[in-house]
Each structure stands twice: as C-alpha cells, then as structure tokens.
Amino acid sequence: MRSVEEDNTLPGNEDQGENQEAPQPNPASVTGASKFMAYVLRHNPAAVGITLGAGGWVPVADLLAGARQHGHTLDHETIDQVLTAPGKQRYELRDGLIRASQGHSVQVDLGLDPVAPPPALYHGTVGRFLDSIFATGLKPGSRTHVHLSATRETAVTVGARRGFPVVLLVDAAEMANAGHQFFQAANGVWLTAHVPAEFLTRELRLP
C-alpha cells in the first residue's frame, strides 16, 4: 500500500471557514495532480463522471478514463509520482484501486474501527477561527470528521497553510473517557466527530 500527502484542495474545513465551490485544480504538474485527485476522490467524483465505491475506493482505470474524458491530463506515471512524493500519506493504492485516506466531504464509510487515542492530540489553526472554536468546539463542517494531529510539529505545519499557526491541545484521554470515539486513518491522521471546547487548550508558546 502506497500513499502521499499534499495541501488540502478545500482547506480549513474543520475551522468552519471553507468554500465548497473551490475551482477544479489542474493536474498538469505533480502538485496539481495531487490536488486534482483530492478534489475528485474527496469532494466531487462526479466532476469526472465517477462514483466512489465502498470505502471510498475507485479503480485507477476509472479515474484515468474519467479525467481524460473531461479534458484532464492524468496518467499512471503521474499518479505514481504523486504516490511516491515526499510528505505524509493522503492516498492509498490497493489491487488496482485508489482512495483518499481521509478528508472527504462526500459521505464515505472508510471502514475504520474505533481505537484508543494517545493522551493528547493537536490541532493546527489560525487566530481568526479561535472565537468560533472556543464557542462551539471543533466541528467537521462539510467533512465527515474533525482532523487531529499526533504531534505538535504537524499541527504547526497544518496551521501555517492558512497564516500564522496557532496550536490547540486536545485532551483526547478525557474525551475518550467521556465516550467520544476516535479513528486513525492509514496516513496517521486522527479523526473524531466533534471536539467540544472544554477539551481544548490554546498553546501559548510560539511555533
């Protein structure tokens, strides 16, 4: 199984600030191809005339054919370059099928089992979202889950995509004790339905 991480096609969803009508990315470069794949496999498979199967999987051949039929240049070599590019893993490849590991706004059951989280998890954001977050907690918005990071460093990187990063500490142990379920995607991202504000603390130190 191989996979890769690139910037989100629709960033900031868990911070209640995302535009679902984002323009379709151009797959002409490896970065563009990764963003195009995220757009199709996470948010809008109908854009290339395909339907996600169980677990979000789709045949690579269908993805390529759909892209070609809708005027996009995408081939096996480019997908291989996306899958082997440096960074964390956002796509999974198995037996001729491909899917996004997480981040979907279309309804997909990834087939993940609940797992016990580490005592603390992290969320990277920016200052303009803090009032909303501390009023209502972290919500998935149009995505299926809130995304949390296992390390502070990853959270800093996530937050920096939208400006000066702010890191929130999530008391995952207390959340689990209170009955909240956690899941872990194949790329290591932690997922949960909602993080109530009482389980959040803003870190005061700078990145």
Foldseek 3Di string as FASTA:
>chain_A
DFFADDDELFADQLLVDTDLPRDQFACPALNSVVNNQNCCQARNVCLLDDDQDALSKDAPVSVCNSCVVNPGDDDPVSVVCNRPPDHFGQKDDDPRIIHGQFDHLPDHDNVFDFDQDPQKWKAKADDVSVVVCLVFNGANHSGQWDWIHRDPVVRCVSHPVPHFIWMKMFRSNVVVVVPWTWTATPRGIITTHTGGNVRIDTDDDGD
